[in-house]
Protein backbone atom coordinates (compact mmCIF):
# COMPACT_ATOMS: atom_id res chain seq x y z
CA MET A 1 35.10 -89.62 86.31
CA LYS A 2 37.89 -89.08 83.83
CA TYR A 3 41.35 -90.60 84.15
CA GLY A 4 44.76 -89.12 83.48
CA ILE A 5 48.50 -89.43 84.02
CA TYR A 6 51.34 -87.03 84.75
CA TYR A 7 53.84 -86.74 81.89
CA ALA A 8 56.87 -86.97 84.23
CA TYR A 9 56.27 -90.72 84.63
CA TRP A 10 58.50 -91.03 81.55
CA GLU A 11 60.91 -88.17 82.27
CA LYS A 12 63.99 -87.46 84.38
CA GLU A 13 63.84 -83.66 84.05
CA TRP A 14 60.93 -81.29 84.60
CA GLY A 15 59.62 -79.47 81.58
CA GLY A 16 60.46 -80.40 78.01
CA ASP A 17 58.10 -80.96 75.12
CA PHE A 18 54.64 -82.17 76.14
CA LEU A 19 53.21 -82.47 72.63
CA PRO A 20 54.30 -86.10 71.96
CA TYR A 21 52.62 -87.24 75.16
CA ILE A 22 49.15 -86.17 74.04
CA PRO A 23 48.60 -88.91 71.40
CA ARG A 24 50.61 -91.32 73.54
CA VAL A 25 48.33 -91.15 76.57
CA LYS A 26 45.27 -91.27 74.32
CA LYS A 27 46.52 -94.55 72.87
CA LEU A 28 47.10 -95.93 76.39
CA GLY A 29 43.48 -95.31 77.39
CA PHE A 30 43.62 -92.00 79.27
CA ASP A 31 41.35 -88.96 79.04
CA ILE A 32 43.77 -86.46 80.61
CA LEU A 33 47.42 -85.46 80.37
CA GLU A 34 48.79 -83.49 83.31
CA ILE A 35 51.78 -81.30 82.44
CA ALA A 36 54.21 -79.07 84.35
CA LEU A 37 53.47 -75.35 84.52
CA ALA A 38 56.92 -74.30 85.75
CA GLY A 39 58.30 -73.47 82.31
CA PHE A 40 55.24 -71.71 80.94
CA PRO A 41 56.71 -68.17 81.14
CA GLU A 42 59.49 -69.30 78.75
CA GLN A 43 57.12 -71.00 76.30
CA SER A 44 55.78 -69.14 73.28
CA GLU A 45 52.15 -68.42 72.57
CA ASP A 46 52.52 -70.50 69.39
CA TYR A 47 53.50 -73.50 71.51
CA MET A 48 50.45 -72.97 73.74
CA ARG A 49 48.23 -72.92 70.67
CA ALA A 50 49.88 -76.13 69.43
CA LEU A 51 49.13 -77.78 72.77
CA ARG A 52 45.50 -76.77 72.51
CA GLU A 53 45.11 -77.88 68.90
CA THR A 54 46.80 -81.25 69.48
CA ALA A 55 44.76 -81.94 72.61
CA GLU A 56 41.53 -81.05 70.81
CA ALA A 57 42.43 -83.29 67.88
CA GLU A 58 43.10 -86.24 70.21
CA GLY A 59 40.19 -85.57 72.56
CA ILE A 60 42.55 -85.16 75.53
CA ILE A 61 42.02 -82.77 78.45
CA LEU A 62 45.12 -80.91 79.66
CA THR A 63 45.65 -80.07 83.34
CA GLY A 64 48.59 -78.38 85.03
CA GLY A 65 50.75 -79.28 87.99
CA PHE A 66 53.16 -76.98 89.79
CA GLY A 67 55.72 -77.36 92.56
CA PRO A 68 56.65 -73.70 93.09
CA PRO A 69 60.34 -72.94 93.64
CA PRO A 70 61.21 -70.74 96.66
CA GLU A 71 61.49 -67.59 94.53
CA VAL A 72 57.73 -67.60 93.79
CA ASN A 73 56.53 -68.67 97.25
CA LEU A 74 53.19 -66.95 97.99
CA SER A 75 53.54 -67.62 101.73
CA SER A 76 56.89 -65.84 101.96
CA ALA A 77 57.49 -62.95 104.38
CA ASP A 78 59.53 -61.24 101.64
CA PRO A 79 57.31 -58.92 99.55
CA ALA A 80 59.70 -59.19 96.60
CA ILE A 81 59.28 -62.98 96.48
CA VAL A 82 55.49 -62.68 96.64
CA ALA A 83 55.53 -60.05 93.88
CA ASN A 84 57.66 -62.39 91.78
CA GLY A 85 55.12 -65.13 92.42
CA PHE A 86 52.27 -63.00 91.12
CA ARG A 87 54.32 -62.08 88.03
CA PHE A 88 54.85 -65.77 87.36
CA TRP A 89 51.16 -66.52 87.71
CA GLU A 90 50.01 -63.58 85.61
CA ASP A 91 51.93 -64.85 82.58
CA THR A 92 51.23 -68.53 83.30
CA LEU A 93 47.48 -68.02 83.63
CA ARG A 94 47.42 -66.10 80.37
CA LYS A 95 49.19 -68.95 78.60
CA MET A 96 46.98 -71.54 80.27
CA GLU A 97 44.00 -69.77 78.74
CA ILE A 98 45.60 -69.95 75.29
CA ALA A 99 46.27 -73.68 75.76
CA ASP A 100 42.73 -74.28 77.11
CA ILE A 101 44.02 -75.52 80.49
CA HIS A 102 41.56 -74.89 83.30
CA PHE A 103 43.15 -76.56 86.33
CA ALA A 104 46.41 -75.81 88.16
CA GLY A 105 47.24 -77.94 91.18
CA GLY A 106 50.10 -78.63 93.55
CA ALA A 107 51.78 -76.78 96.39
CA THR A 108 50.52 -73.54 94.85
CA TYR A 109 50.11 -72.03 98.32
CA SER A 110 53.79 -72.37 99.32
CA TYR A 111 56.89 -73.88 97.69
CA TRP A 112 58.14 -77.40 97.00
CA PRO A 113 60.06 -79.34 98.09
CA ILE A 114 60.45 -77.62 101.45
CA ASP A 115 63.95 -76.92 102.73
CA PHE A 116 63.58 -77.95 106.36
CA THR A 117 67.04 -76.64 107.23
CA LYS A 118 65.53 -73.15 107.13
CA PRO A 119 63.28 -71.81 109.91
CA PHE A 120 59.58 -71.21 109.30
CA ASP A 121 56.54 -69.90 111.15
CA LYS A 122 53.62 -72.10 110.19
CA GLN A 123 50.86 -69.77 111.46
CA ALA A 124 52.31 -66.62 109.90
CA ASP A 125 53.03 -68.43 106.63
CA TRP A 126 49.48 -69.82 106.64
CA GLU A 127 47.96 -66.36 107.04
CA ARG A 128 50.08 -64.82 104.29
CA SER A 129 49.36 -67.77 102.02
CA VAL A 130 45.59 -67.55 102.51
CA ALA A 131 45.58 -63.81 101.78
CA ASN A 132 47.71 -64.17 98.66
CA VAL A 133 45.87 -67.22 97.29
CA ARG A 134 42.63 -65.22 97.55
CA LYS A 135 44.20 -62.66 95.19
CA LEU A 136 45.54 -65.41 92.95
CA ALA A 137 42.11 -67.06 92.85
CA ASP A 138 40.54 -63.86 91.56
CA MET A 139 43.23 -63.63 88.86
CA ALA A 140 42.64 -67.28 87.96
CA ALA A 141 38.87 -66.86 87.82
CA ASP A 142 39.29 -64.22 85.13
CA ARG A 143 41.04 -66.87 83.01
CA GLY A 144 38.59 -69.67 83.83
CA VAL A 145 41.10 -71.55 85.98
CA THR A 146 40.48 -73.58 89.14
CA LEU A 147 43.34 -73.78 91.65
CA GLY A 148 44.06 -77.01 93.51
CA MET A 149 45.67 -76.95 96.96
CA GLU A 150 47.47 -80.27 97.37
CA VAL A 151 47.79 -81.79 100.83
CA LEU A 152 51.39 -83.01 101.18
CA ASN A 153 53.07 -85.38 103.60
CA ARG A 154 55.23 -84.09 106.45
CA PHE A 155 58.48 -84.73 104.57
CA GLU A 156 57.56 -82.49 101.63
CA GLY A 157 55.48 -79.71 103.19
CA TYR A 158 54.26 -78.26 106.47
CA LEU A 159 51.30 -75.94 105.85
CA MET A 160 48.82 -78.77 105.33
CA ASN A 161 49.69 -82.40 105.95
CA GLU A 162 46.22 -83.94 106.34
CA CYS A 163 42.81 -83.45 104.81
CA ARG A 164 41.54 -81.69 107.96
CA GLU A 165 44.12 -78.93 107.49
CA GLY A 166 43.38 -78.75 103.78
CA VAL A 167 39.67 -78.29 104.46
CA ALA A 168 40.43 -75.48 106.93
CA TYR A 169 42.70 -73.81 104.37
CA VAL A 170 40.20 -73.97 101.48
CA ASP A 171 37.45 -72.70 103.78
CA ALA A 172 39.67 -69.81 104.89
CA VAL A 173 40.43 -68.79 101.30
CA ASP A 174 36.70 -68.98 100.53
CA ARG A 175 36.81 -68.76 96.75
CA PRO A 176 34.67 -71.03 94.53
CA ASN A 177 37.61 -71.79 92.21
CA VAL A 178 39.92 -72.93 95.04
CA LYS A 179 39.63 -76.66 95.67
CA LEU A 180 41.41 -79.41 97.55
CA VAL A 181 43.76 -81.96 95.98
CA LEU A 182 44.13 -85.31 97.73
CA ASP A 183 46.91 -87.70 96.72
CA THR A 184 46.89 -91.33 97.83
CA PHE A 185 50.70 -91.35 98.19
CA HIS A 186 50.56 -88.56 100.78
CA MET A 187 47.34 -89.86 102.33
CA ASN A 188 48.96 -93.25 102.91
CA ILE A 189 51.46 -91.51 105.21
CA GLU A 190 49.20 -89.03 106.98
CA GLU A 191 45.57 -90.17 107.07
CA ASP A 192 44.03 -92.74 109.39
CA SER A 193 41.41 -93.57 106.76
CA PHE A 194 41.29 -92.93 103.02
CA GLY A 195 37.50 -93.04 103.00
CA ASP A 196 37.04 -90.72 105.98
CA ALA A 197 39.40 -88.15 104.47
CA ILE A 198 37.57 -88.17 101.14
CA ARG A 199 34.21 -87.84 102.86
CA LEU A 200 35.55 -84.94 104.97
CA ALA A 201 36.72 -83.15 101.85
CA GLY A 202 33.30 -83.58 100.23
CA LYS A 203 32.44 -80.89 97.70
CA ARG A 204 35.76 -79.15 98.36
CA LEU A 205 37.58 -81.98 96.57
CA GLY A 206 38.60 -80.77 93.13
CA HIS A 207 41.30 -83.20 92.01
CA VAL A 208 42.64 -86.62 92.99
CA HIS A 209 46.13 -88.01 92.47
CA VAL A 210 46.56 -91.77 92.71
CA GLY A 211 49.62 -93.93 93.16
CA GLU A 212 50.96 -96.77 95.25
CA PRO A 213 52.85 -96.16 98.53
CA ASN A 214 56.12 -96.62 96.62
CA ARG A 215 54.85 -94.40 93.77
CA ARG A 216 54.21 -97.16 91.26
CA PRO A 217 50.95 -97.04 89.25
CA PRO A 218 47.85 -98.38 91.05
CA HIS A 219 47.45 -102.13 90.68
CA ALA A 220 45.52 -105.13 92.00
CA GLY A 221 46.88 -106.74 95.14
CA SER A 222 48.01 -103.42 96.58
CA ARG A 223 48.05 -102.69 100.30
CA ILE A 224 46.05 -99.58 99.39
CA ASN A 225 42.35 -100.37 99.45
CA TRP A 226 41.40 -98.98 96.05
CA GLN A 227 37.83 -100.23 96.46
CA GLU A 228 37.43 -98.13 99.63
CA ILE A 229 38.68 -95.06 97.78
CA GLY A 230 36.31 -95.60 94.86
CA ASP A 231 33.37 -96.15 97.21
CA ALA A 232 34.12 -92.91 99.08
CA LEU A 233 34.40 -90.95 95.83
CA ARG A 234 30.99 -92.27 94.81
CA GLU A 235 29.56 -91.35 98.22
CA ILE A 236 30.51 -87.68 97.75
CA ASP A 237 29.41 -87.82 94.10
CA TYR A 238 32.88 -86.78 92.96
CA PRO A 239 32.64 -85.66 89.34
CA GLY A 240 36.26 -84.71 88.78
CA TYR A 241 39.54 -86.04 87.50
CA ILE A 242 41.62 -89.00 88.68
CA VAL A 243 45.25 -88.46 87.68
CA MET A 244 47.92 -91.04 88.42
CA GLU A 245 51.30 -89.62 89.34
CA PRO A 246 53.71 -92.58 89.23
CA PHE A 247 57.49 -92.29 89.46
CA GLU A 248 59.73 -95.33 89.00
CA ARG A 249 63.00 -94.18 87.44
CA MET A 250 66.08 -92.78 89.16
CA GLY A 251 68.03 -89.80 87.89
CA GLY A 252 67.75 -86.17 86.97
CA LYS A 253 65.89 -83.45 88.83
CA VAL A 254 62.71 -85.52 88.87
CA GLY A 255 64.39 -88.41 90.64
CA GLN A 256 66.09 -86.04 93.07
CA ASP A 257 62.96 -84.05 93.97
CA ILE A 258 60.79 -87.17 94.30
CA SER A 259 63.53 -89.03 96.24
CA ILE A 260 63.81 -92.04 93.94
CA TRP A 261 67.07 -93.65 95.09
CA ARG A 262 66.62 -97.08 93.50
CA ASP A 263 65.31 -98.23 90.14
CA LEU A 264 61.69 -99.06 90.91
CA SER A 265 61.12 -99.76 87.22
CA ASN A 266 63.52 -102.74 87.19
CA GLY A 267 65.16 -101.50 84.03
CA ALA A 268 61.88 -100.84 82.23
CA THR A 269 61.87 -99.47 78.71
CA ASP A 270 59.46 -96.72 77.69
CA GLU A 271 57.31 -99.46 76.17
CA ASP A 272 57.26 -101.30 79.49
CA LEU A 273 56.13 -98.13 81.25
CA ASP A 274 53.43 -97.68 78.61
CA SER A 275 52.16 -101.19 79.26
CA ARG A 276 52.04 -100.67 83.03
CA ALA A 277 50.22 -97.35 82.70
CA ALA A 278 47.64 -98.86 80.32
CA ALA A 279 47.05 -101.80 82.67
CA SER A 280 46.70 -99.44 85.64
CA VAL A 281 44.08 -97.18 84.11
CA LYS A 282 42.18 -100.25 82.86
CA TYR A 283 42.23 -101.63 86.42
CA LEU A 284 40.83 -98.43 87.97
CA ARG A 285 38.15 -98.01 85.30
CA GLU A 286 36.92 -101.56 85.83
CA LEU A 287 37.13 -101.39 89.62
CA TRP A 288 35.42 -98.02 89.96
CA GLY A 289 33.04 -98.41 87.06
């Protein structure tokens, strides 16, 4: 397995310049940097080439994460919104290919975070989403990209809240480059058993996000049984990526969207966050071998 971290651990706003994070995460002991895809249509091809060249020089794998805004929602009943979604993905997939990014995960099947003040029809949205993700998967396959459908907790999404629903969704889409994403933060809320959920996902599992129940980096002494999770991943012979997605700082759009209403970092500097991330990835590598 290879280990990574999401760049927004250090940020208060989505987007920005990802280039400085590539050597940074390498120095901290990671193999992967996960970056946000939302701003890709505005980025130049030269910037995509710079991402690729810097990642290659550092020996870092780049992956992409995406919380689609409502205007690109592929489960929408509005054909104009769906068409806008496909326009977004057409340009983004092209730029991912330039940057040598082969994985895009998140709530790619809907939008995020969900506005629960608005009505929705789960079954109808599910059916539209499945049909449109099939089309998106074929577009992605042409660019060598695997799509990850992330199972989200009930407060952030409604189409799939547990692994069982995620398995049904991936099976319905039925494309080899559409996989499941499980995240321990969401699993802690929704699943009865981490191990059972991972075993149920089996070969459908394409990406794993890890973090504590309060979204701190994984650590020893947690109430999450990290040994159980590692054992289950070995049982299914999981060959993929483990990407931590910690959030500790208040403020900005990141803090708002993630619902960070107190300073979980305890006033940490960037150097403090670096130290915690390095200790966390060292802990998982040693625990999971």
